[in-house]
Amino acid sequence: MSIRHCISLVLSALCLLVPTGFSQVHYDGPGHPWRQRADRGPDAVVDGWYYNLGLSGMRVELVEEAPTHLLVKHVFKGSPADGKVQVGDFLVGAGSKAFKTPHRNGYGMDVFGPQGPLLDFAVALEDCQRRSNKGRLHLDLLRGEKKLDVTLKVERKYGTFGAAYPLDCKKSELILDELLTYLIDQQGEDGSFGIAPHNTFAPLALLASGKTKHMAAVKRNVQWHARTTKAVDEGSLINWRYMTAGIVMSEYYLATGEKWVLPELQEVYDFLHSTQYTDLAQVSKRVQETHPDAVPRDAMDSHGGWGHNPGYEGYGPICMLTGQGALVFSLMSRCGIEIDRARHEAAYAFLKRATGSNGYVWYEDSVAGDEDWADMGRTGASGIANLLSPYKDSVYKRRALTHAAIIAEHPDSFPDTHGSPIMGMGYAALAANAERQSFRALMDANRWWFTLSQCTDGTFYYQPNRDNAGYGDDSRLSASALTAFVFSIPKANLAVTGKKPK
């Protein structure tokens, strides 16, 4: 075992030993993550990165010294809580029930999940939206030493999620319709939605709607991908861009059959073919200086994977990108692009080396532990790539179902994914969709997240996380695009969501 792999396993073990006194977002030093801010957009008025409490209009902080309370840090003007709840209040109960379970949201197998006041509040918030409760949300507050009972009048037009949400669910359909309109409004003049997760999930959600009125926005995004990709590109962190382009452009071609897309797809394929790591000669000379412990130990170390940039630089190829690369090749194959099968199989072999016997995929081409698990984004990317494999060998379907099963067995880490949590959530949902019960388990366990992430203007909010990738000026766009995409999965209007090839 290489030094690099030993270090990876040690780091994994340390992550799993985070004490339960820490929250999901890690009380780390002077106010992390609460001190982070958005400089622009609707969240710029908030002085930190706090949990959104759904349609109530409140943002709260988890306090280590008061694990059964929620500390109010912001109240949006004009929201149901405006004039009734003040910054500095402690929420100690909701729905006429006191919060009794301490929050245990941490990073580790024993502490993932919303158990505690966040979950209790989510249940009470959705329950108040039932027709019989008329939107009345009863709250118990502590204001200094004074105990207060207040009642909020919450918007009832959404109602509650159906048992099979987002399938056969009026609330999900209403949310989806509003979010698709919002996404079109957020699209740039050049056709881009922003960073890679936005440019993946926003156009895919719009395309999955199957509605003609959304197709112009999708085409503008595909044209932007076409203009900004080429067979040779020396941009930084470039593989993320090309994975997104390959997925979106392939889905668009499969939906429309527009021939102009094919040569553009060929350019993306040529680029990804050249950036995939398959030979020691591709190892950057700087790796010896910058990451000496990451130097490949032999020709098969990291073979077949993709890293942030072409070949082997930094700490080398990673599973999140390699899963996307295998998926892109599968989608392109459906479009008629000739795929180098040896290269494609090498990507699948990379992912297999990273997969424990329980189906969990580790960061690189090594196994974290056969019983270990954590964030499921990498597992999701590998799962959907295997599910869409163009090769007849049944091993790919079996691997996909194994990935779906581990996601369903441990759905609590869904919103707490390494690197880009929004991207990880999207891929985890895709992989879970390989098996109906797995998708159901994932959605049921994270109903609280969709309930609390919705804001009073109908957009969705990126909740605090152990990583901060995606929080800031566009945090509403991140969570809104992700939610719209996940809610569109049951429609099966995309190859990645179950549409059969012609």
Protein backbone atom coordinates (compact mmCIF):
# COMPACT_ATOMS: atom_id res chain seq x y z
CA MET A 1 0.00 0.00 0.00
CA SER A 2 1.39 3.44 -0.97
CA ILE A 3 1.95 6.26 1.49
CA ARG A 4 -0.79 8.17 -0.31
CA HIS A 5 -3.29 5.40 0.31
CA CYS A 6 -2.25 5.04 3.96
CA ILE A 7 -2.77 8.77 4.52
CA SER A 8 -6.20 8.56 2.87
CA LEU A 9 -7.29 5.76 5.19
CA VAL A 10 -6.07 7.61 8.26
CA LEU A 11 -7.92 10.76 7.23
CA SER A 12 -11.05 8.69 6.67
CA ALA A 13 -10.79 7.20 10.13
CA LEU A 14 -10.30 10.63 11.70
CA CYS A 15 -13.45 11.93 9.97
CA LEU A 16 -15.44 9.08 11.47
CA LEU A 17 -14.24 9.93 14.97
CA VAL A 18 -15.72 13.45 15.15
CA PRO A 19 -17.32 13.71 18.63
CA THR A 20 -21.08 14.02 18.90
CA GLY A 21 -20.74 17.40 20.61
CA PHE A 22 -20.01 18.86 17.19
CA SER A 23 -22.77 19.78 14.80
CA GLN A 24 -23.13 18.73 11.18
CA VAL A 25 -21.34 21.90 10.19
CA HIS A 26 -18.49 21.55 12.73
CA TYR A 27 -18.11 24.25 15.37
CA ASP A 28 -14.65 25.12 14.22
CA GLY A 29 -12.73 28.06 15.60
CA PRO A 30 -14.26 31.53 15.64
CA GLY A 31 -17.69 30.94 14.20
CA HIS A 32 -17.29 28.54 11.29
CA PRO A 33 -19.47 28.25 9.27
CA TRP A 34 -21.89 30.78 10.67
CA ARG A 35 -19.69 33.76 9.77
CA GLN A 36 -19.80 33.11 6.00
CA ARG A 37 -21.86 35.59 4.04
CA ALA A 38 -23.38 36.21 0.63
CA ASP A 39 -22.31 39.54 -0.82
CA ARG A 40 -25.24 39.83 -3.20
CA GLY A 41 -28.67 38.36 -3.76
CA PRO A 42 -31.56 37.74 -1.36
CA ASP A 43 -29.27 36.35 1.35
CA ALA A 44 -27.00 39.40 1.48
CA VAL A 45 -29.22 40.86 4.25
CA VAL A 46 -28.32 37.91 6.49
CA ASP A 47 -25.11 38.28 8.50
CA GLY A 48 -24.08 34.61 8.22
CA TRP A 49 -24.69 31.13 6.89
CA TYR A 50 -27.50 29.78 9.05
CA TYR A 51 -30.16 27.10 8.72
CA ASN A 52 -33.27 28.21 6.88
CA LEU A 53 -36.54 27.27 8.57
CA GLY A 54 -38.67 26.95 5.48
CA LEU A 55 -41.65 29.19 4.87
CA SER A 56 -41.50 30.61 8.41
CA GLY A 57 -38.96 33.21 7.29
CA MET A 58 -36.39 32.50 10.02
CA ARG A 59 -32.71 31.59 9.95
CA VAL A 60 -31.21 29.85 12.98
CA GLU A 61 -27.91 28.71 14.39
CA LEU A 62 -27.23 25.42 16.16
CA VAL A 63 -25.71 26.13 19.56
CA GLU A 64 -23.49 23.57 21.20
CA GLU A 65 -24.42 24.70 24.73
CA ALA A 66 -28.17 24.45 23.95
CA PRO A 67 -28.55 21.35 21.76
CA THR A 68 -32.35 21.23 22.06
CA HIS A 69 -32.80 24.90 21.10
CA LEU A 70 -32.54 26.88 17.88
CA LEU A 71 -31.01 30.36 18.17
CA VAL A 72 -32.77 32.86 15.87
CA LYS A 73 -30.23 34.85 13.87
CA HIS A 74 -32.39 36.48 11.20
CA VAL A 75 -36.06 37.13 10.43
CA PHE A 76 -36.95 38.16 6.88
CA LYS A 77 -39.13 41.24 6.57
CA GLY A 78 -42.69 40.44 5.52
CA SER A 79 -42.33 36.78 6.47
CA PRO A 80 -44.71 34.98 8.85
CA ALA A 81 -42.16 35.38 11.68
CA ASP A 82 -41.70 39.13 11.11
CA GLY A 83 -42.93 41.09 14.13
CA LYS A 84 -43.48 37.97 16.21
CA VAL A 85 -40.00 36.46 16.55
CA GLN A 86 -36.85 38.46 17.28
CA VAL A 87 -33.17 37.90 16.62
CA GLY A 88 -31.74 36.42 19.82
CA ASP A 89 -34.85 34.40 20.66
CA PHE A 90 -34.45 30.70 21.28
CA LEU A 91 -36.97 28.38 19.65
CA VAL A 92 -37.65 25.65 22.21
CA GLY A 93 -40.71 24.03 20.66
CA ALA A 94 -42.97 23.97 17.61
CA GLY A 95 -46.41 22.60 16.86
CA SER A 96 -47.25 22.72 20.59
CA LYS A 97 -44.44 20.23 21.30
CA ALA A 98 -41.23 21.02 23.13
CA PHE A 99 -37.96 20.09 21.46
CA LYS A 100 -36.53 17.24 23.52
CA THR A 101 -34.02 15.47 21.27
CA PRO A 102 -30.57 17.11 21.15
CA HIS A 103 -29.18 17.75 17.70
CA ARG A 104 -26.50 15.24 16.76
CA ASN A 105 -25.75 16.43 13.25
CA GLY A 106 -22.07 15.71 12.80
CA TYR A 107 -19.75 14.42 10.16
CA GLY A 108 -19.50 10.69 10.77
CA MET A 109 -21.47 7.48 10.53
CA ASP A 110 -22.92 7.80 14.02
CA VAL A 111 -24.05 11.40 13.82
CA PHE A 112 -25.35 12.12 10.32
CA GLY A 113 -28.93 13.23 10.06
CA PRO A 114 -31.26 16.00 11.24
CA GLN A 115 -32.41 14.37 14.49
CA GLY A 116 -33.23 17.05 17.01
CA PRO A 117 -34.91 20.46 16.83
CA LEU A 118 -34.37 20.87 13.07
CA LEU A 119 -36.28 17.69 12.29
CA ASP A 120 -38.95 18.46 14.89
CA PHE A 121 -39.44 21.93 13.43
CA ALA A 122 -39.67 20.55 9.88
CA VAL A 123 -42.40 18.12 10.93
CA ALA A 124 -44.37 20.86 12.68
CA LEU A 125 -43.95 23.28 9.76
CA GLU A 126 -45.28 20.87 7.19
CA ASP A 127 -48.06 19.68 9.48
CA CYS A 128 -49.35 23.23 9.91
CA GLN A 129 -49.84 23.45 6.14
CA ARG A 130 -52.47 20.73 6.17
CA ARG A 131 -55.95 21.98 5.32
CA SER A 132 -57.24 21.21 8.81
CA ASN A 133 -54.52 23.30 10.50
CA LYS A 134 -55.01 26.36 8.27
CA GLY A 135 -51.32 27.32 8.28
CA ARG A 136 -51.16 28.00 12.03
CA LEU A 137 -47.70 27.22 13.41
CA HIS A 138 -47.46 27.44 17.21
CA LEU A 139 -43.98 28.25 18.53
CA ASP A 140 -42.52 28.19 22.03
CA LEU A 141 -39.85 30.86 22.55
CA LEU A 142 -37.36 31.95 25.17
CA ARG A 143 -36.68 35.69 25.07
CA GLY A 144 -34.17 36.28 27.81
CA GLU A 145 -35.79 34.65 30.82
CA LYS A 146 -39.32 35.11 29.50
CA LYS A 147 -41.26 32.23 27.95
CA LEU A 148 -43.51 33.18 25.02
CA ASP A 149 -46.08 31.39 22.90
CA VAL A 150 -46.60 32.80 19.42
CA THR A 151 -48.54 31.64 16.40
CA LEU A 152 -47.34 32.18 12.84
CA LYS A 153 -49.62 32.16 9.81
CA VAL A 154 -47.73 30.16 7.19
CA GLU A 155 -48.48 30.10 3.45
CA ARG A 156 -50.75 27.14 2.72
CA LYS A 157 -50.82 27.08 -1.07
CA TYR A 158 -48.19 24.32 -1.25
CA GLY A 159 -49.84 21.98 1.24
CA THR A 160 -47.89 18.88 2.25
CA PHE A 161 -45.78 16.40 0.33
CA GLY A 162 -47.57 13.30 -0.87
CA ALA A 163 -46.53 9.84 0.30
CA ALA A 164 -44.70 9.13 -2.97
CA TYR A 165 -43.30 12.64 -3.47
CA PRO A 166 -42.09 13.96 -5.81
CA LEU A 167 -44.17 11.45 -7.79
CA ASP A 168 -47.96 11.99 -7.82
CA CYS A 169 -47.56 15.00 -5.54
CA LYS A 170 -49.31 18.34 -6.13
CA LYS A 171 -46.89 20.16 -3.84
CA SER A 172 -43.88 18.84 -5.75
CA GLU A 173 -45.41 19.80 -9.10
CA LEU A 174 -46.19 23.33 -7.91
CA ILE A 175 -42.68 23.75 -6.53
CA LEU A 176 -41.15 22.36 -9.72
CA ASP A 177 -43.18 24.66 -11.95
CA GLU A 178 -42.13 27.72 -9.94
CA LEU A 179 -38.47 26.68 -9.85
CA LEU A 180 -38.27 26.13 -13.60
CA THR A 181 -39.53 29.67 -14.15
CA TYR A 182 -36.96 30.92 -11.63
CA LEU A 183 -34.14 29.05 -13.38
CA ILE A 184 -34.95 30.64 -16.72
CA ASP A 185 -34.90 34.06 -15.05
CA GLN A 186 -31.44 33.30 -13.62
CA GLN A 187 -29.88 32.21 -16.93
CA GLY A 188 -27.14 34.49 -18.17
CA GLU A 189 -27.31 36.28 -21.50
CA ASP A 190 -24.62 33.92 -22.81
CA GLY A 191 -26.73 30.88 -21.94
CA SER A 192 -24.73 29.80 -18.90
CA PHE A 193 -26.19 29.30 -15.44
CA GLY A 194 -22.84 29.69 -13.66
CA ILE A 195 -20.63 26.98 -12.18
CA ALA A 196 -20.65 23.28 -13.11
CA PRO A 197 -23.46 22.11 -10.77
CA HIS A 198 -25.73 24.90 -12.05
CA ASN A 199 -24.87 24.12 -15.66
CA THR A 200 -25.67 20.47 -15.02
CA PHE A 201 -28.88 20.46 -13.04
CA ALA A 202 -30.59 23.63 -14.29
CA PRO A 203 -30.69 22.68 -18.00
CA LEU A 204 -31.39 19.01 -17.22
CA ALA A 205 -34.37 19.97 -15.03
CA LEU A 206 -35.72 22.23 -17.76
CA LEU A 207 -35.20 19.53 -20.40
CA ALA A 208 -36.80 16.88 -18.20
CA SER A 209 -39.98 18.94 -17.89
CA GLY A 210 -40.85 17.94 -21.45
CA LYS A 211 -42.41 21.38 -21.98
CA THR A 212 -41.78 23.24 -25.23
CA LYS A 213 -41.68 26.60 -23.44
CA HIS A 214 -38.47 25.58 -21.66
CA MET A 215 -36.59 24.30 -24.68
CA ALA A 216 -35.24 27.68 -25.81
CA ALA A 217 -33.41 28.10 -22.49
CA VAL A 218 -32.01 24.58 -22.73
CA LYS A 219 -30.78 25.18 -26.28
CA ARG A 220 -29.07 28.42 -25.25
CA ASN A 221 -27.21 26.51 -22.57
CA VAL A 222 -26.20 23.75 -24.98
CA GLN A 223 -24.99 26.36 -27.46
CA TRP A 224 -22.92 27.96 -24.68
CA HIS A 225 -21.35 24.57 -23.93
CA ALA A 226 -20.62 24.14 -27.62
CA ARG A 227 -18.98 27.58 -27.91
CA THR A 228 -16.80 27.14 -24.84
CA THR A 229 -15.48 23.62 -25.43
CA LYS A 230 -12.91 22.33 -27.90
CA ALA A 231 -10.71 19.31 -28.46
CA VAL A 232 -7.68 21.03 -26.89
CA ASP A 233 -8.14 23.26 -23.86
CA GLU A 234 -5.63 24.39 -21.25
CA GLY A 235 -8.04 25.93 -18.77
CA SER A 236 -7.72 25.36 -15.02
CA LEU A 237 -9.84 22.73 -13.21
CA ILE A 238 -11.04 22.02 -16.70
CA ASN A 239 -12.36 18.47 -16.48
CA TRP A 240 -15.37 19.56 -14.42
CA ARG A 241 -16.47 21.82 -17.25
CA TYR A 242 -16.15 19.15 -19.88
CA MET A 243 -17.98 16.50 -17.87
CA THR A 244 -20.92 18.88 -17.53
CA ALA A 245 -20.82 19.72 -21.23
CA GLY A 246 -20.77 16.06 -22.24
CA ILE A 247 -23.76 15.17 -20.07
CA VAL A 248 -25.97 18.13 -21.01
CA MET A 249 -25.15 18.08 -24.73
CA SER A 250 -25.73 14.31 -24.94
CA GLU A 251 -29.11 14.53 -23.22
CA TYR A 252 -30.11 17.39 -25.52
CA TYR A 253 -29.15 15.44 -28.63
CA LEU A 254 -31.01 12.34 -27.41
CA ALA A 255 -34.11 14.49 -26.81
CA THR A 256 -34.02 16.51 -30.05
CA GLY A 257 -31.84 14.69 -32.58
CA GLU A 258 -30.39 18.01 -33.74
CA LYS A 259 -27.42 17.00 -35.90
CA TRP A 260 -25.32 20.12 -35.22
CA VAL A 261 -24.70 18.78 -31.70
CA LEU A 262 -22.76 15.71 -32.86
CA PRO A 263 -19.52 17.41 -33.99
CA GLU A 264 -19.60 19.44 -30.77
CA LEU A 265 -19.94 16.23 -28.78
CA GLN A 266 -17.05 14.75 -30.71
CA GLU A 267 -14.84 17.64 -29.58
CA VAL A 268 -15.80 17.03 -25.95
CA TYR A 269 -15.08 13.34 -26.38
CA ASP A 270 -11.68 14.04 -27.93
CA PHE A 271 -10.81 16.33 -25.03
CA LEU A 272 -11.85 13.83 -22.34
CA HIS A 273 -10.08 11.02 -24.17
CA SER A 274 -6.85 13.04 -23.99
CA THR A 275 -7.26 14.11 -20.35
CA GLN A 276 -8.01 10.66 -18.93
CA TYR A 277 -4.98 9.34 -17.03
CA THR A 278 -3.72 6.06 -18.56
CA ASP A 279 0.08 6.33 -18.69
CA LEU A 280 2.94 7.24 -16.35
CA ALA A 281 4.17 9.69 -18.97
CA GLN A 282 1.13 11.85 -18.12
CA VAL A 283 2.35 12.45 -14.56
CA SER A 284 3.20 16.11 -14.15
CA LYS A 285 6.83 16.73 -13.22
CA ARG A 286 5.67 19.13 -10.53
CA VAL A 287 3.96 16.32 -8.61
CA GLN A 288 7.35 15.20 -7.26
CA GLU A 289 7.68 18.62 -5.62
CA THR A 290 4.12 19.57 -4.71
CA HIS A 291 2.63 16.16 -3.81
CA PRO A 292 5.53 13.71 -3.35
CA ASP A 293 3.33 11.23 -1.45
CA ALA A 294 0.88 11.14 -4.35
CA VAL A 295 3.31 9.95 -7.02
CA PRO A 296 1.84 6.79 -8.65
CA ARG A 297 3.53 3.65 -7.34
CA ASP A 298 3.05 1.73 -10.60
CA ALA A 299 1.37 1.92 -14.02
CA MET A 300 -2.03 0.87 -12.65
CA ASP A 301 -2.15 3.29 -9.74
CA SER A 302 -4.97 5.73 -10.63
CA HIS A 303 -5.10 4.25 -14.14
CA GLY A 304 -8.28 5.15 -16.03
CA GLY A 305 -9.33 8.06 -13.87
CA TRP A 306 -9.80 11.78 -14.28
CA GLY A 307 -8.56 14.47 -11.93
CA HIS A 308 -9.26 18.19 -11.87
CA ASN A 309 -6.94 18.71 -14.84
CA PRO A 310 -5.51 16.59 -17.69
CA GLY A 311 -3.33 13.58 -16.92
CA TYR A 312 -1.95 13.31 -13.40
CA GLU A 313 -1.37 16.47 -11.40
CA GLY A 314 -1.77 17.33 -7.74
CA TYR A 315 -3.06 14.32 -5.83
CA GLY A 316 -4.30 12.61 -8.96
CA PRO A 317 -7.59 11.29 -10.38
CA ILE A 318 -10.68 11.10 -8.18
CA CYS A 319 -13.88 9.08 -8.23
CA MET A 320 -16.30 12.00 -8.47
CA LEU A 321 -14.86 13.00 -11.83
CA THR A 322 -14.16 9.46 -13.01
CA GLY A 323 -17.78 8.47 -12.39
CA GLN A 324 -18.88 11.42 -14.49
CA GLY A 325 -16.37 10.49 -17.19
CA ALA A 326 -17.73 6.94 -17.40
CA LEU A 327 -21.25 8.39 -17.54
CA VAL A 328 -20.34 10.84 -20.33
CA PHE A 329 -18.86 8.02 -22.42
CA SER A 330 -22.05 5.98 -21.89
CA LEU A 331 -24.30 8.86 -22.95
CA MET A 332 -22.13 9.67 -25.95
CA SER A 333 -22.30 6.04 -27.01
CA ARG A 334 -26.10 6.38 -27.16
CA CYS A 335 -25.63 9.43 -29.38
CA GLY A 336 -23.55 7.43 -31.86
CA ILE A 337 -20.12 8.74 -30.86
CA GLU A 338 -17.54 5.97 -31.20
CA ILE A 339 -16.11 5.28 -27.74
CA ASP A 340 -12.74 3.68 -27.05
CA ARG A 341 -13.98 0.70 -25.05
CA ALA A 342 -10.58 0.10 -23.42
CA ARG A 343 -10.64 3.65 -22.06
CA HIS A 344 -14.22 3.27 -20.91
CA GLU A 345 -13.48 -0.05 -19.19
CA ALA A 346 -10.45 1.56 -17.52
CA ALA A 347 -12.73 4.16 -15.94
CA TYR A 348 -15.06 1.45 -14.66
CA ALA A 349 -12.04 -0.46 -13.27
CA PHE A 350 -10.94 2.69 -11.42
CA LEU A 351 -14.38 2.95 -9.80
CA LYS A 352 -14.41 -0.75 -8.93
CA ARG A 353 -11.08 -0.41 -7.11
CA ALA A 354 -12.61 2.41 -5.08
CA THR A 355 -15.72 0.47 -4.07
CA GLY A 356 -16.00 -1.41 -0.79
CA SER A 357 -17.92 -4.66 -0.54
CA ASN A 358 -20.88 -2.65 0.82
CA GLY A 359 -21.04 -0.54 -2.35
CA TYR A 360 -19.63 2.69 -0.90
CA VAL A 361 -17.18 4.55 -3.16
CA TRP A 362 -14.15 6.22 -1.62
CA TYR A 363 -12.36 9.36 -2.81
CA GLU A 364 -9.81 7.73 -5.10
CA ASP A 365 -9.10 4.23 -6.42
CA SER A 366 -8.78 2.62 -3.00
CA VAL A 367 -11.30 1.39 -0.44
CA ALA A 368 -12.07 3.40 2.68
CA GLY A 369 -13.27 0.28 4.50
CA ASP A 370 -15.75 -2.43 3.69
CA GLU A 371 -18.16 -1.21 6.37
CA ASP A 372 -17.45 2.51 6.15
CA TRP A 373 -19.64 5.08 4.46
CA ALA A 374 -20.12 8.83 4.45
CA ASP A 375 -21.10 11.29 1.73
CA MET A 376 -22.69 9.49 -1.22
CA GLY A 377 -21.93 11.77 -4.17
CA ARG A 378 -19.10 9.58 -5.49
CA THR A 379 -21.20 6.47 -4.97
CA GLY A 380 -23.97 8.18 -6.92
CA ALA A 381 -21.73 9.11 -9.85
CA SER A 382 -20.42 5.55 -10.05
CA GLY A 383 -23.93 4.15 -9.72
CA ILE A 384 -25.48 6.05 -12.61
CA ALA A 385 -22.39 5.44 -14.78
CA ASN A 386 -22.68 1.70 -14.24
CA LEU A 387 -26.44 1.72 -14.73
CA LEU A 388 -26.07 3.32 -18.17
CA SER A 389 -23.14 1.19 -19.30
CA PRO A 390 -23.52 0.35 -23.01
CA TYR A 391 -21.96 -3.07 -22.51
CA LYS A 392 -24.12 -6.17 -22.11
CA ASP A 393 -22.22 -7.69 -19.19
CA SER A 394 -24.66 -7.87 -16.25
CA VAL A 395 -21.91 -6.88 -13.81
CA TYR A 396 -22.60 -3.20 -14.46
CA LYS A 397 -26.26 -3.46 -13.49
CA ARG A 398 -25.31 -5.41 -10.36
CA ARG A 399 -22.82 -2.72 -9.36
CA ALA A 400 -25.42 -0.02 -9.94
CA LEU A 401 -27.93 -1.78 -7.71
CA THR A 402 -25.29 -2.25 -5.01
CA HIS A 403 -24.59 1.48 -5.09
CA ALA A 404 -28.32 2.24 -4.90
CA ALA A 405 -28.68 -0.09 -1.94
CA ILE A 406 -25.96 1.55 0.17
CA ILE A 407 -27.42 4.99 -0.53
CA ALA A 408 -30.81 3.74 0.64
CA GLU A 409 -29.32 2.04 3.68
CA HIS A 410 -27.59 5.25 4.79
CA PRO A 411 -29.58 8.20 3.40
CA ASP A 412 -28.79 10.60 6.26
CA SER A 413 -25.60 11.97 4.72
CA PHE A 414 -27.44 13.08 1.56
CA PRO A 415 -27.06 16.86 2.14
CA ASP A 416 -23.55 16.62 3.62
CA THR A 417 -21.34 15.75 0.65
CA HIS A 418 -17.64 16.51 0.19
CA GLY A 419 -16.53 19.22 -2.24
CA SER A 420 -19.77 20.31 -3.88
CA PRO A 421 -22.67 19.08 -1.74
CA ILE A 422 -25.19 20.18 -4.38
CA MET A 423 -23.46 18.09 -7.05
CA GLY A 424 -23.20 15.12 -4.68
CA MET A 425 -26.89 15.29 -3.86
CA GLY A 426 -27.85 15.23 -7.53
CA TYR A 427 -25.75 12.18 -8.33
CA ALA A 428 -26.84 10.33 -5.18
CA ALA A 429 -30.48 10.82 -6.18
CA LEU A 430 -29.76 9.58 -9.71
CA ALA A 431 -28.10 6.41 -8.47
CA ALA A 432 -30.83 5.73 -5.91
CA ASN A 433 -33.36 5.96 -8.73
CA ALA A 434 -31.93 2.71 -10.16
CA GLU A 435 -34.18 0.92 -7.68
CA ARG A 436 -37.58 2.30 -6.69
CA GLN A 437 -37.31 1.44 -3.00
CA SER A 438 -33.87 3.04 -2.76
CA PHE A 439 -35.13 6.32 -4.18
CA ARG A 440 -38.09 6.18 -1.83
CA ALA A 441 -35.84 5.65 1.18
CA LEU A 442 -33.63 8.58 0.19
CA MET A 443 -36.53 10.96 -0.30
CA ASP A 444 -38.34 9.93 2.87
CA ALA A 445 -35.22 10.39 5.01
CA ASN A 446 -34.60 13.85 3.58
CA ARG A 447 -38.11 15.25 3.48
CA TRP A 448 -36.98 17.61 6.24
CA TRP A 449 -34.33 19.13 3.96
CA PHE A 450 -36.79 19.99 1.21
CA THR A 451 -39.25 21.34 3.79
CA LEU A 452 -36.74 23.62 5.50
CA SER A 453 -34.83 24.70 2.38
CA GLN A 454 -37.84 26.34 0.76
CA CYS A 455 -37.86 30.11 1.22
CA THR A 456 -40.85 32.44 1.40
CA ASP A 457 -40.27 33.58 -2.21
CA GLY A 458 -40.47 29.97 -3.45
CA THR A 459 -36.75 29.53 -4.10
CA PHE A 460 -34.65 26.95 -2.27
CA TYR A 461 -31.68 27.58 -0.01
CA TYR A 462 -28.37 25.80 0.38
CA GLN A 463 -28.27 24.73 4.04
CA PRO A 464 -25.07 24.81 6.15
CA ASN A 465 -22.70 21.98 5.45
CA ARG A 466 -19.23 20.79 6.38
CA ASP A 467 -18.02 22.17 3.04
CA ASN A 468 -18.79 25.65 1.72
CA ALA A 469 -18.58 25.02 -2.02
CA GLY A 470 -21.64 26.65 -3.51
CA TYR A 471 -22.65 28.96 -0.67
CA GLY A 472 -22.65 32.65 -1.44
CA ASP A 473 -24.25 34.97 -3.97
CA ASP A 474 -25.73 32.05 -5.94
CA SER A 475 -26.68 29.73 -3.08
CA ARG A 476 -30.38 30.03 -3.95
CA LEU A 477 -29.62 29.05 -7.55
CA SER A 478 -27.59 26.03 -6.38
CA ALA A 479 -30.33 24.58 -4.19
CA SER A 480 -33.15 25.56 -6.55
CA ALA A 481 -31.52 23.87 -9.54
CA LEU A 482 -30.82 20.77 -7.47
CA THR A 483 -34.38 20.59 -6.12
CA ALA A 484 -35.90 21.09 -9.57
CA PHE A 485 -33.72 18.32 -10.95
CA VAL A 486 -34.48 15.84 -8.16
CA PHE A 487 -38.21 16.54 -8.42
CA SER A 488 -38.02 15.85 -12.17
CA ILE A 489 -36.38 12.43 -11.78
CA PRO A 490 -39.64 10.40 -11.61
CA LYS A 491 -40.71 11.82 -14.97
CA ALA A 492 -38.05 9.60 -16.62
CA ASN A 493 -37.66 12.06 -19.50
CA LEU A 494 -33.84 11.83 -19.59
CA ALA A 495 -31.46 8.98 -20.21
CA VAL A 496 -30.01 9.47 -16.73
CA THR A 497 -33.49 9.29 -15.17
CA GLY A 498 -34.67 6.17 -16.96
CA LYS A 499 -35.72 7.07 -20.49
CA LYS A 500 -35.14 4.08 -22.73
CA PRO A 501 -32.94 4.51 -25.82
CA LYS A 502 -34.71 4.45 -29.16
